[in-house]
Amino acid sequence: MRIHGFARAGLALIAIGLVSGCYTIPPPLPPPPPWPEILAKQIPVLGTNILNSPVIRDSKEPILLKIGGMLDKSRLTVDTELLMRMMRTHLVNNGYGRIVVFNNDADVAGFIEDRNRKRMHEVFKDQLRYLAGKIVKSAMFRGRNVQIAVMPPDVSAHLKGINADGFIALLRDEIAASCSGNITFLPGNKAGDADYLLRGNFTAFSMTDEVASGGKEPNADMNLRIMFVEPSSGESCFEVSLPARKKLFDPSLDATLILSGELNDIARETPSTREDYVRMGFNIVDPDTSTHRYETACEISATTYKPVYYQ
């Protein structure tokens, strides 16, 4: 019993000696530099540089600016989307009307899309009314009693969401309202009794990759061709065309310039220090030529001292 007690006391003394003389608890790692706060403080400086740049300052018309994203090539934990929003706020509030920024927020995108659809419908209706008057006044229909059979329109496979039947129906209504009762319409199954067949052809003459890969929105330049065809010969006797532009769906395609950003960092370590070199830049790009019209950047370095371990 006595030997066991001495053994326990000796082990306790050895443990105390190891803790006090041979090993120390390592100090905690120093916190990393607060890069979000450091970079956020540079936004007003870089934003002022952009507003004072020749491409903005010397423009005679307001700049229609589309805000792009910030390409993050760093290892930092930084909300780059927040930095772009801060830049947008600075440009709008300090641009004094020289910069107009398109809003791409999700909460307003639906409203803008519905508004653009309504706008396109109204524009199409005005153009259809003009075409109807042109058709009624043409020599082929003026002063004649004519029966026209409306045929289903053809739609290019690349165009999605186009209500072609509705546009043809609107054109038919506009023709009926513009004529003096001498033009009557027959359904498609009565084509044999008609003097002419009304055909419509919706084609896309350019498109975005999104639509080409099966997107739902008709975000493409398209053309509506109206043809009056003789049933017996199949020859077109009268044709008119109606172009529709994709900008009616996405006004930001009219942007004068595009703002984008890029974040980079380089780290260099020694046994006792870590040096971070960070570069945040903003580019003004011409959407027509993809050329950089202006660029501004900040370059920041920070040194972190590592803890020293003792044994």
C-alpha atoms as a PDB file:
ATOM      1  CA  MET A   1       0.000   0.000   0.000  1.00  0.00           C
ATOM      2  CA  ARG A   2       2.804   2.418   0.869  1.00  0.00           C
ATOM      3  CA  ILE A   3       4.698   1.567  -2.354  1.00  0.00           C
ATOM      4  CA  HIS A   4       1.629   2.257  -4.479  1.00  0.00           C
ATOM      5  CA  GLY A   5       1.189   5.694  -2.860  1.00  0.00           C
ATOM      6  CA  PHE A   6       4.818   6.649  -3.535  1.00  0.00           C
ATOM      7  CA  ALA A   7       4.424   5.596  -7.175  1.00  0.00           C
ATOM      8  CA  ARG A   8       1.428   7.785  -7.627  1.00  0.00           C
ATOM      9  CA  ALA A   9       3.179  10.772  -6.107  1.00  0.00           C
ATOM     10  CA  GLY A  10       6.186  10.275  -8.390  1.00  0.00           C
ATOM     11  CA  LEU A  11       4.045  10.157 -11.488  1.00  0.00           C
ATOM     12  CA  ALA A  12       2.337  13.380 -10.444  1.00  0.00           C
ATOM     13  CA  LEU A  13       5.672  15.137 -10.006  1.00  0.00           C
ATOM     14  CA  ILE A  14       6.855  13.968 -13.419  1.00  0.00           C
ATOM     15  CA  ALA A  15       3.650  15.273 -15.038  1.00  0.00           C
ATOM     16  CA  ILE A  16       4.076  18.673 -13.373  1.00  0.00           C
ATOM     17  CA  GLY A  17       7.665  18.831 -14.559  1.00  0.00           C
ATOM     18  CA  LEU A  18       6.710  18.072 -18.132  1.00  0.00           C
ATOM     19  CA  VAL A  19       4.050  20.783 -18.195  1.00  0.00           C
ATOM     20  CA  SER A  20       6.153  23.490 -16.529  1.00  0.00           C
ATOM     21  CA  GLY A  21       9.572  22.860 -18.022  1.00  0.00           C
ATOM     22  CA  CYS A  22       9.384  20.815 -21.217  1.00  0.00           C
ATOM     23  CA  TYR A  23       6.227  21.881 -23.125  1.00  0.00           C
ATOM     24  CA  THR A  24       4.051  24.971 -23.463  1.00  0.00           C
ATOM     25  CA  ILE A  25       0.507  25.186 -24.834  1.00  0.00           C
ATOM     26  CA  PRO A  26       0.734  26.814 -28.310  1.00  0.00           C
ATOM     27  CA  PRO A  27      -0.796  30.265 -28.559  1.00  0.00           C
ATOM     28  CA  PRO A  28      -3.906  30.663 -30.769  1.00  0.00           C
ATOM     29  CA  LEU A  29      -3.519  31.467 -34.447  1.00  0.00           C
ATOM     30  CA  PRO A  30      -3.889  35.170 -35.239  1.00  0.00           C
ATOM     31  CA  PRO A  31      -7.126  36.080 -37.037  1.00  0.00           C
ATOM     32  CA  PRO A  32      -6.878  36.651 -40.796  1.00  0.00           C
ATOM     33  CA  PRO A  33      -7.072  40.228 -42.082  1.00  0.00           C
ATOM     34  CA  PRO A  34     -10.694  41.455 -42.339  1.00  0.00           C
ATOM     35  CA  TRP A  35     -10.678  41.470 -46.141  1.00  0.00           C
ATOM     36  CA  PRO A  36     -14.438  42.141 -46.579  1.00  0.00           C
ATOM     37  CA  GLU A  37     -14.137  45.372 -44.587  1.00  0.00           C
ATOM     38  CA  ILE A  38     -10.816  46.323 -46.196  1.00  0.00           C
ATOM     39  CA  LEU A  39     -12.161  45.874 -49.749  1.00  0.00           C
ATOM     40  CA  ALA A  40     -15.496  47.557 -48.954  1.00  0.00           C
ATOM     41  CA  LYS A  41     -13.619  50.728 -47.946  1.00  0.00           C
ATOM     42  CA  GLN A  42     -12.080  50.856 -51.430  1.00  0.00           C
ATOM     43  CA  ILE A  43     -15.422  50.889 -53.266  1.00  0.00           C
ATOM     44  CA  PRO A  44     -16.021  54.678 -52.950  1.00  0.00           C
ATOM     45  CA  VAL A  45     -12.470  55.373 -54.159  1.00  0.00           C
ATOM     46  CA  LEU A  46     -12.741  53.117 -57.202  1.00  0.00           C
ATOM     47  CA  GLY A  47     -16.303  54.277 -57.893  1.00  0.00           C
ATOM     48  CA  THR A  48     -15.155  57.896 -57.967  1.00  0.00           C
ATOM     49  CA  ASN A  49     -12.406  56.891 -60.390  1.00  0.00           C
ATOM     50  CA  ILE A  50     -15.022  55.370 -62.680  1.00  0.00           C
ATOM     51  CA  LEU A  51     -17.235  58.468 -62.565  1.00  0.00           C
ATOM     52  CA  ASN A  52     -14.241  60.679 -63.385  1.00  0.00           C
ATOM     53  CA  SER A  53     -13.033  58.456 -66.231  1.00  0.00           C
ATOM     54  CA  PRO A  54     -13.148  59.961 -69.748  1.00  0.00           C
ATOM     55  CA  VAL A  55     -15.594  57.334 -70.990  1.00  0.00           C
ATOM     56  CA  ILE A  56     -18.147  58.483 -68.384  1.00  0.00           C
ATOM     57  CA  ARG A  57     -17.197  62.137 -67.956  1.00  0.00           C
ATOM     58  CA  ASP A  58     -17.074  63.014 -71.669  1.00  0.00           C
ATOM     59  CA  SER A  59     -20.264  61.190 -72.689  1.00  0.00           C
ATOM     60  CA  LYS A  60     -22.916  63.582 -74.023  1.00  0.00           C
ATOM     61  CA  GLU A  61     -25.715  61.123 -73.299  1.00  0.00           C
ATOM     62  CA  PRO A  62     -26.460  59.223 -70.069  1.00  0.00           C
ATOM     63  CA  ILE A  63     -24.570  55.943 -69.859  1.00  0.00           C
ATOM     64  CA  LEU A  64     -26.867  52.884 -69.905  1.00  0.00           C
ATOM     65  CA  LEU A  65     -24.823  50.625 -67.635  1.00  0.00           C
ATOM     66  CA  LYS A  66     -25.332  46.904 -67.184  1.00  0.00           C
ATOM     67  CA  ILE A  67     -23.817  45.546 -63.965  1.00  0.00           C
ATOM     68  CA  GLY A  68     -22.029  42.268 -64.522  1.00  0.00           C
ATOM     69  CA  GLY A  69     -20.455  39.983 -61.952  1.00  0.00           C
ATOM     70  CA  MET A  70     -17.104  39.936 -60.190  1.00  0.00           C
ATOM     71  CA  LEU A  71     -14.861  37.044 -61.169  1.00  0.00           C
ATOM     72  CA  ASP A  72     -13.399  35.683 -57.934  1.00  0.00           C
ATOM     73  CA  LYS A  73      -9.971  34.124 -58.512  1.00  0.00           C
ATOM     74  CA  SER A  74      -8.898  34.475 -54.880  1.00  0.00           C
ATOM     75  CA  ARG A  75      -8.855  32.179 -51.881  1.00  0.00           C
ATOM     76  CA  LEU A  76     -10.535  34.798 -49.716  1.00  0.00           C
ATOM     77  CA  THR A  77     -13.953  34.539 -48.131  1.00  0.00           C
ATOM     78  CA  VAL A  78     -15.511  37.652 -49.641  1.00  0.00           C
ATOM     79  CA  ASP A  79     -19.068  38.288 -50.856  1.00  0.00           C
ATOM     80  CA  THR A  80     -18.237  39.604 -54.325  1.00  0.00           C
ATOM     81  CA  GLU A  81     -21.923  40.103 -55.158  1.00  0.00           C
ATOM     82  CA  LEU A  82     -22.200  42.505 -52.230  1.00  0.00           C
ATOM     83  CA  LEU A  83     -19.159  44.428 -53.490  1.00  0.00           C
ATOM     84  CA  MET A  84     -20.808  44.839 -56.917  1.00  0.00           C
ATOM     85  CA  ARG A  85     -24.003  46.054 -55.274  1.00  0.00           C
ATOM     86  CA  MET A  86     -22.030  48.582 -53.241  1.00  0.00           C
ATOM     87  CA  MET A  87     -20.383  49.798 -56.431  1.00  0.00           C
ATOM     88  CA  ARG A  88     -23.780  50.110 -58.120  1.00  0.00           C
ATOM     89  CA  THR A  89     -25.086  52.182 -55.206  1.00  0.00           C
ATOM     90  CA  HIS A  90     -22.085  54.511 -55.340  1.00  0.00           C
ATOM     91  CA  LEU A  91     -22.360  55.039 -59.103  1.00  0.00           C
ATOM     92  CA  VAL A  92     -26.088  55.719 -59.038  1.00  0.00           C
ATOM     93  CA  ASN A  93     -26.043  58.032 -56.020  1.00  0.00           C
ATOM     94  CA  ASN A  94     -22.988  60.003 -57.123  1.00  0.00           C
ATOM     95  CA  GLY A  95     -23.468  59.936 -60.897  1.00  0.00           C
ATOM     96  CA  TYR A  96     -25.999  62.789 -60.902  1.00  0.00           C
ATOM     97  CA  GLY A  97     -27.954  61.306 -63.791  1.00  0.00           C
ATOM     98  CA  ARG A  98     -24.898  60.475 -65.903  1.00  0.00           C
ATOM     99  CA  ILE A  99     -25.370  56.735 -65.290  1.00  0.00           C
ATOM    100  CA  VAL A 100     -28.544  54.686 -65.638  1.00  0.00           C
ATOM    101  CA  VAL A 101     -28.223  51.158 -64.249  1.00  0.00           C
ATOM    102  CA  PHE A 102     -30.420  48.252 -65.322  1.00  0.00           C
ATOM    103  CA  ASN A 103     -31.926  46.327 -62.430  1.00  0.00           C
ATOM    104  CA  ASN A 104     -31.349  42.564 -62.571  1.00  0.00           C
ATOM    105  CA  ASP A 105     -32.738  41.686 -59.137  1.00  0.00           C
ATOM    106  CA  ALA A 106     -34.869  38.572 -59.084  1.00  0.00           C
ATOM    107  CA  ASP A 107     -37.726  40.234 -57.191  1.00  0.00           C
ATOM    108  CA  VAL A 108     -38.349  42.744 -59.980  1.00  0.00           C
ATOM    109  CA  ALA A 109     -37.391  40.534 -62.933  1.00  0.00           C
ATOM    110  CA  GLY A 110     -40.872  39.021 -63.129  1.00  0.00           C
ATOM    111  CA  PHE A 111     -42.560  42.422 -63.199  1.00  0.00           C
ATOM    112  CA  ILE A 112     -40.178  43.687 -65.880  1.00  0.00           C
ATOM    113  CA  GLU A 113     -40.741  40.563 -67.972  1.00  0.00           C
ATOM    114  CA  ASP A 114     -44.538  40.946 -67.797  1.00  0.00           C
ATOM    115  CA  ARG A 115     -44.253  44.630 -68.648  1.00  0.00           C
ATOM    116  CA  ASN A 116     -42.065  43.861 -71.651  1.00  0.00           C
ATOM    117  CA  ARG A 117     -44.508  41.230 -72.850  1.00  0.00           C
ATOM    118  CA  LYS A 118     -47.304  43.777 -72.681  1.00  0.00           C
ATOM    119  CA  ARG A 119     -45.127  46.320 -74.458  1.00  0.00           C
ATOM    120  CA  MET A 120     -44.329  43.884 -77.238  1.00  0.00           C
ATOM    121  CA  HIS A 121     -48.020  43.026 -77.603  1.00  0.00           C
ATOM    122  CA  GLU A 122     -48.907  46.714 -77.935  1.00  0.00           C
ATOM    123  CA  VAL A 123     -46.099  47.336 -80.430  1.00  0.00           C
ATOM    124  CA  PHE A 124     -47.160  44.326 -82.473  1.00  0.00           C
ATOM    125  CA  LYS A 125     -50.772  45.445 -82.449  1.00  0.00           C
ATOM    126  CA  ASP A 126     -49.816  48.907 -83.725  1.00  0.00           C
ATOM    127  CA  GLN A 127     -47.721  47.343 -86.470  1.00  0.00           C
ATOM    128  CA  LEU A 128     -50.472  44.892 -87.367  1.00  0.00           C
ATOM    129  CA  ARG A 129     -52.901  47.799 -87.654  1.00  0.00           C
ATOM    130  CA  TYR A 130     -50.487  49.503 -90.034  1.00  0.00           C
ATOM    131  CA  LEU A 131     -50.132  46.317 -92.085  1.00  0.00           C
ATOM    132  CA  ALA A 132     -53.890  45.850 -92.203  1.00  0.00           C
ATOM    133  CA  GLY A 133     -54.327  49.324 -93.647  1.00  0.00           C
ATOM    134  CA  LYS A 134     -51.594  48.625 -96.183  1.00  0.00           C
ATOM    135  CA  ILE A 135     -53.283  45.380 -97.231  1.00  0.00           C
ATOM    136  CA  VAL A 136     -56.763  46.885 -97.518  1.00  0.00           C
ATOM    137  CA  LYS A 137     -55.477  49.793 -99.634  1.00  0.00           C
ATOM    138  CA  SER A 138     -53.507  47.553-101.996  1.00  0.00           C
ATOM    139  CA  ALA A 139     -54.687  47.221-105.581  1.00  0.00           C
ATOM    140  CA  MET A 140     -55.370  43.515-105.092  1.00  0.00           C
ATOM    141  CA  PHE A 141     -58.156  44.109-102.532  1.00  0.00           C
ATOM    142  CA  ARG A 142     -59.365  47.654-103.117  1.00  0.00           C
ATOM    143  CA  GLY A 143     -62.905  47.706-104.548  1.00  0.00           C
ATOM    144  CA  ARG A 144     -63.195  43.911-104.759  1.00  0.00           C
ATOM    145  CA  ASN A 145     -65.285  41.426-102.807  1.00  0.00           C
ATOM    146  CA  VAL A 146     -62.780  38.859-101.624  1.00  0.00           C
ATOM    147  CA  GLN A 147     -63.009  35.752 -99.460  1.00  0.00           C
ATOM    148  CA  ILE A 148     -59.895  34.823 -97.518  1.00  0.00           C
ATOM    149  CA  ALA A 149     -59.242  31.546 -95.675  1.00  0.00           C
ATOM    150  CA  VAL A 150     -56.960  31.852 -92.661  1.00  0.00           C
ATOM    151  CA  MET A 151     -54.442  29.020 -92.464  1.00  0.00           C
ATOM    152  CA  PRO A 152     -52.444  27.961 -89.372  1.00  0.00           C
ATOM    153  CA  PRO A 153     -49.173  29.937 -89.242  1.00  0.00           C
ATOM    154  CA  ASP A 154     -45.762  28.282 -89.424  1.00  0.00           C
ATOM    155  CA  VAL A 155     -43.372  28.908 -86.530  1.00  0.00           C
ATOM    156  CA  SER A 156     -39.630  28.282 -86.544  1.00  0.00           C
ATOM    157  CA  ALA A 157     -38.556  25.550 -84.126  1.00  0.00           C
ATOM    158  CA  HIS A 158     -36.073  28.004 -82.544  1.00  0.00           C
ATOM    159  CA  LEU A 159     -38.810  30.343 -81.365  1.00  0.00           C
ATOM    160  CA  LYS A 160     -40.435  29.438 -78.054  1.00  0.00           C
ATOM    161  CA  GLY A 161     -43.486  30.985 -76.463  1.00  0.00           C
ATOM    162  CA  ILE A 162     -44.730  32.761 -79.611  1.00  0.00           C
ATOM    163  CA  ASN A 163     -48.535  32.909 -79.845  1.00  0.00           C
ATOM    164  CA  ALA A 164     -48.539  32.914 -83.644  1.00  0.00           C
ATOM    165  CA  ASP A 165     -52.247  32.079 -83.899  1.00  0.00           C
ATOM    166  CA  GLY A 166     -53.037  35.087 -81.741  1.00  0.00           C
ATOM    167  CA  PHE A 167     -51.021  37.443 -83.956  1.00  0.00           C
ATOM    168  CA  ILE A 168     -52.739  36.133 -87.088  1.00  0.00           C
ATOM    169  CA  ALA A 169     -56.127  36.531 -85.413  1.00  0.00           C
ATOM    170  CA  LEU A 170     -55.260  40.119 -84.501  1.00  0.00           C
ATOM    171  CA  LEU A 171     -54.240  40.844 -88.084  1.00  0.00           C
ATOM    172  CA  ARG A 172     -57.501  39.352 -89.356  1.00  0.00           C
ATOM    173  CA  ASP A 173     -59.478  41.550 -86.938  1.00  0.00           C
ATOM    174  CA  GLU A 174     -57.556  44.661 -87.999  1.00  0.00           C
ATOM    175  CA  ILE A 175     -58.166  43.904 -91.690  1.00  0.00           C
ATOM    176  CA  ALA A 176     -61.876  43.389 -91.037  1.00  0.00           C
ATOM    177  CA  ALA A 177     -62.052  46.676 -89.116  1.00  0.00           C
ATOM    178  CA  SER A 178     -60.177  48.609 -91.820  1.00  0.00           C
ATOM    179  CA  CYS A 179     -62.036  47.341 -94.884  1.00  0.00           C
ATOM    180  CA  SER A 180     -65.495  48.405 -96.062  1.00  0.00           C
ATOM    181  CA  GLY A 181     -67.047  44.970 -95.737  1.00  0.00           C
ATOM    182  CA  ASN A 182     -65.648  43.723 -99.031  1.00  0.00           C
ATOM    183  CA  ILE A 183     -63.231  41.302 -97.354  1.00  0.00           C
ATOM    184  CA  THR A 184     -64.630  38.296 -95.515  1.00  0.00           C
ATOM    185  CA  PHE A 185     -62.774  35.479 -93.775  1.00  0.00           C
ATOM    186  CA  LEU A 186     -63.325  31.743 -93.918  1.00  0.00           C
ATOM    187  CA  PRO A 187     -62.013  29.028 -91.623  1.00  0.00           C
ATOM    188  CA  GLY A 188     -59.122  26.903 -92.811  1.00  0.00           C
ATOM    189  CA  ASN A 189     -61.369  23.934 -93.666  1.00  0.00           C
ATOM    190  CA  LYS A 190     -63.161  26.116 -96.251  1.00  0.00           C
ATOM    191  CA  ALA A 191     -59.965  26.893 -98.148  1.00  0.00           C
ATOM    192  CA  GLY A 192     -61.482  25.477-101.353  1.00  0.00           C
ATOM    193  CA  ASP A 193     -64.078  28.280-101.420  1.00  0.00           C
ATOM    194  CA  ALA A 194     -61.587  31.084-100.809  1.00  0.00           C
ATOM    195  CA  ASP A 195     -60.107  33.482-103.315  1.00  0.00           C
ATOM    196  CA  TYR A 196     -56.875  33.665-101.307  1.00  0.00           C
ATOM    197  CA  LEU A 197     -55.217  31.864 -98.442  1.00  0.00           C
ATOM    198  CA  LEU A 198     -53.759  33.960 -95.642  1.00  0.00           C
ATOM    199  CA  ARG A 199     -50.544  32.377 -94.402  1.00  0.00           C
ATOM    200  CA  GLY A 200     -48.161  33.537 -91.711  1.00  0.00           C
ATOM    201  CA  ASN A 201     -44.549  32.483 -91.242  1.00  0.00           C
ATOM    202  CA  PHE A 202     -42.590  33.263 -88.060  1.00  0.00           C
ATOM    203  CA  THR A 203     -38.851  32.841 -88.589  1.00  0.00           C
ATOM    204  CA  ALA A 204     -35.798  33.602 -86.440  1.00  0.00           C
ATOM    205  CA  PHE A 205     -32.924  35.289 -88.218  1.00  0.00           C
ATOM    206  CA  SER A 206     -30.704  35.493 -85.117  1.00  0.00           C
ATOM    207  CA  MET A 207     -30.922  34.043 -81.647  1.00  0.00           C
ATOM    208  CA  THR A 208     -29.133  33.732 -78.354  1.00  0.00           C
ATOM    209  CA  ASP A 209     -27.525  30.521 -77.164  1.00  0.00           C
ATOM    210  CA  GLU A 210     -30.251  30.169 -74.559  1.00  0.00           C
ATOM    211  CA  VAL A 211     -32.987  30.025 -77.171  1.00  0.00           C
ATOM    212  CA  ALA A 212     -30.938  27.885 -79.529  1.00  0.00           C
ATOM    213  CA  SER A 213     -30.614  25.260 -76.788  1.00  0.00           C
ATOM    214  CA  GLY A 214     -34.347  25.156 -76.154  1.00  0.00           C
ATOM    215  CA  GLY A 215     -35.063  28.114 -73.895  1.00  0.00           C
ATOM    216  CA  LYS A 216     -38.687  29.066 -73.294  1.00  0.00           C
ATOM    217  CA  GLU A 217     -38.455  32.765 -74.040  1.00  0.00           C
ATOM    218  CA  PRO A 218     -38.480  34.116 -77.612  1.00  0.00           C
ATOM    219  CA  ASN A 219     -35.299  36.033 -76.931  1.00  0.00           C
ATOM    220  CA  ALA A 220     -34.402  36.172 -80.613  1.00  0.00           C
ATOM    221  CA  ASP A 221     -34.736  38.559 -83.527  1.00  0.00           C
ATOM    222  CA  MET A 222     -37.672  37.258 -85.500  1.00  0.00           C
ATOM    223  CA  ASN A 223     -39.637  38.141 -88.598  1.00  0.00           C
ATOM    224  CA  LEU A 224     -43.334  37.640 -89.334  1.00  0.00           C
ATOM    225  CA  ARG A 225     -44.090  37.275 -93.030  1.00  0.00           C
ATOM    226  CA  ILE A 226     -47.702  37.560 -94.188  1.00  0.00           C
ATOM    227  CA  MET A 227     -48.555  35.984 -97.555  1.00  0.00           C
ATOM    228  CA  PHE A 228     -51.746  35.875 -99.613  1.00  0.00           C
ATOM    229  CA  VAL A 229     -51.644  32.757-101.757  1.00  0.00           C
ATOM    230  CA  GLU A 230     -53.855  31.636-104.641  1.00  0.00           C
ATOM    231  CA  PRO A 231     -55.323  28.227-103.735  1.00  0.00           C
ATOM    232  CA  SER A 232     -55.096  26.809-107.236  1.00  0.00           C
ATOM    233  CA  SER A 233     -51.537  27.726-108.149  1.00  0.00           C
ATOM    234  CA  GLY A 234     -50.003  28.063-104.673  1.00  0.00           C
ATOM    235  CA  GLU A 235     -48.330  31.285-105.784  1.00  0.00           C
ATOM    236  CA  SER A 236     -47.934  34.203-103.418  1.00  0.00           C
ATOM    237  CA  CYS A 237     -49.716  37.280-104.746  1.00  0.00           C
ATOM    238  CA  PHE A 238     -48.989  39.712-101.940  1.00  0.00           C
ATOM    239  CA  GLU A 239     -46.437  39.694 -99.102  1.00  0.00           C
ATOM    240  CA  VAL A 240     -45.601  41.973 -96.186  1.00  0.00           C
ATOM    241  CA  SER A 241     -43.086  41.506 -93.366  1.00  0.00           C
ATOM    242  CA  LEU A 242     -43.084  42.552 -89.745  1.00  0.00           C
ATOM    243  CA  PRO A 243     -39.813  42.461 -87.743  1.00  0.00           C
ATOM    244  CA  ALA A 244     -39.767  42.019 -83.944  1.00  0.00           C
ATOM    245  CA  ARG A 245     -36.660  42.844 -81.956  1.00  0.00           C
ATOM    246  CA  LYS A 246     -35.364  40.949 -78.946  1.00  0.00           C
ATOM    247  CA  LYS A 247     -34.748  44.201 -77.066  1.00  0.00           C
ATOM    248  CA  LEU A 248     -38.474  44.286 -76.321  1.00  0.00           C
ATOM    249  CA  PHE A 249     -37.830  41.373 -73.956  1.00  0.00           C
ATOM    250  CA  ASP A 250     -34.492  42.441 -72.489  1.00  0.00           C
ATOM    251  CA  PRO A 251     -33.920  46.221 -72.427  1.00  0.00           C
ATOM    252  CA  SER A 252     -30.466  45.699 -70.911  1.00  0.00           C
ATOM    253  CA  LEU A 253     -29.352  44.548 -74.383  1.00  0.00           C
ATOM    254  CA  ASP A 254     -29.340  48.263 -75.217  1.00  0.00           C
ATOM    255  CA  ALA A 255     -26.649  48.870 -72.572  1.00  0.00           C
ATOM    256  CA  THR A 256     -24.016  51.401 -73.587  1.00  0.00           C
ATOM    257  CA  LEU A 257     -21.335  49.886 -71.336  1.00  0.00           C
ATOM    258  CA  ILE A 258     -20.872  46.882 -69.058  1.00  0.00           C
ATOM    259  CA  LEU A 259     -19.248  46.982 -65.617  1.00  0.00           C
ATOM    260  CA  SER A 260     -17.449  43.860 -64.425  1.00  0.00           C
ATOM    261  CA  GLY A 261     -14.945  43.103 -61.666  1.00  0.00           C
ATOM    262  CA  GLU A 262     -12.164  40.695 -60.795  1.00  0.00           C
ATOM    263  CA  LEU A 263     -10.615  39.697 -57.463  1.00  0.00           C
ATOM    264  CA  ASN A 264      -7.131  38.124 -57.260  1.00  0.00           C
ATOM    265  CA  ASP A 265      -4.755  37.277 -54.445  1.00  0.00           C
ATOM    266  CA  ILE A 266      -1.184  36.013 -53.994  1.00  0.00           C
ATOM    267  CA  ALA A 267       0.093  34.570 -50.703  1.00  0.00           C
ATOM    268  CA  ARG A 268       3.746  34.243 -49.688  1.00  0.00           C
ATOM    269  CA  GLU A 269       4.686  32.424 -46.493  1.00  0.00           C
ATOM    270  CA  THR A 270       7.810  32.236 -44.347  1.00  0.00           C
ATOM    271  CA  PRO A 271       8.246  30.302 -41.073  1.00  0.00           C
ATOM    272  CA  SER A 272       7.125  33.318 -39.079  1.00  0.00           C
ATOM    273  CA  THR A 273       4.942  35.425 -41.426  1.00  0.00           C
ATOM    274  CA  ARG A 274       2.277  35.216 -44.118  1.00  0.00           C
ATOM    275  CA  GLU A 275       2.006  38.052 -46.651  1.00  0.00           C
ATOM    276  CA  ASP A 276      -1.219  38.403 -48.656  1.00  0.00           C
ATOM    277  CA  TYR A 277      -1.284  40.545 -51.783  1.00  0.00           C
ATOM    278  CA  VAL A 278      -4.845  41.283 -52.973  1.00  0.00           C
ATOM    279  CA  ARG A 279      -5.958  43.083 -56.124  1.00  0.00           C
ATOM    280  CA  MET A 280      -9.560  44.174 -56.771  1.00  0.00           C
ATOM    281  CA  GLY A 281     -10.277  45.699 -60.175  1.00  0.00           C
ATOM    282  CA  PHE A 282     -13.290  47.007 -62.104  1.00  0.00           C
ATOM    283  CA  ASN A 283     -13.520  47.098 -65.898  1.00  0.00           C
ATOM    284  CA  ILE A 284     -15.719  49.167 -68.210  1.00  0.00           C
ATOM    285  CA  VAL A 285     -16.335  47.136 -71.369  1.00  0.00           C
ATOM    286  CA  ASP A 286     -17.876  48.144 -74.702  1.00  0.00           C
ATOM    287  CA  PRO A 287     -20.552  45.477 -75.425  1.00  0.00           C
ATOM    288  CA  ASP A 288     -20.280  45.977 -79.192  1.00  0.00           C
ATOM    289  CA  THR A 289     -16.519  45.479 -79.488  1.00  0.00           C
ATOM    290  CA  SER A 290     -15.657  43.695 -76.180  1.00  0.00           C
ATOM    291  CA  THR A 291     -12.875  46.241 -75.675  1.00  0.00           C
ATOM    292  CA  HIS A 292     -11.879  47.613 -72.289  1.00  0.00           C
ATOM    293  CA  ARG A 293     -12.716  51.312 -72.238  1.00  0.00           C
ATOM    294  CA  TYR A 294     -11.514  51.940 -68.691  1.00  0.00           C
ATOM    295  CA  GLU A 295     -10.059  50.015 -65.756  1.00  0.00           C
ATOM    296  CA  THR A 296      -9.399  50.927 -62.153  1.00  0.00           C
ATOM    297  CA  ALA A 297      -8.015  48.761 -59.363  1.00  0.00           C
ATOM    298  CA  CYS A 298      -6.690  48.779 -55.808  1.00  0.00           C
ATOM    299  CA  GLU A 299      -3.743  46.704 -54.607  1.00  0.00           C
ATOM    300  CA  ILE A 300      -3.450  45.874 -50.917  1.00  0.00           C
ATOM    301  CA  SER A 301      -0.888  43.834 -48.988  1.00  0.00           C
ATOM    302  CA  ALA A 302      -1.150  42.613 -45.412  1.00  0.00           C
ATOM    303  CA  THR A 303       1.364  40.738 -43.275  1.00  0.00           C
ATOM    304  CA  THR A 304       0.270  38.290 -40.592  1.00  0.00           C
ATOM    305  CA  TYR A 305       2.792  37.141 -37.988  1.00  0.00           C
ATOM    306  CA  LYS A 306       2.549  33.474 -37.108  1.00  0.00           C
ATOM    307  CA  PRO A 307       2.807  32.284 -33.485  1.00  0.00           C
ATOM    308  CA  VAL A 308       6.109  30.854 -32.296  1.00  0.00           C
ATOM    309  CA  TYR A 309       6.057  27.404 -30.720  1.00  0.00           C
ATOM    310  CA  TYR A 310       8.425  26.539 -27.843  1.00  0.00           C
ATOM    311  CA  GLN A 311       9.414  23.132 -26.614  1.00  0.00           C
END
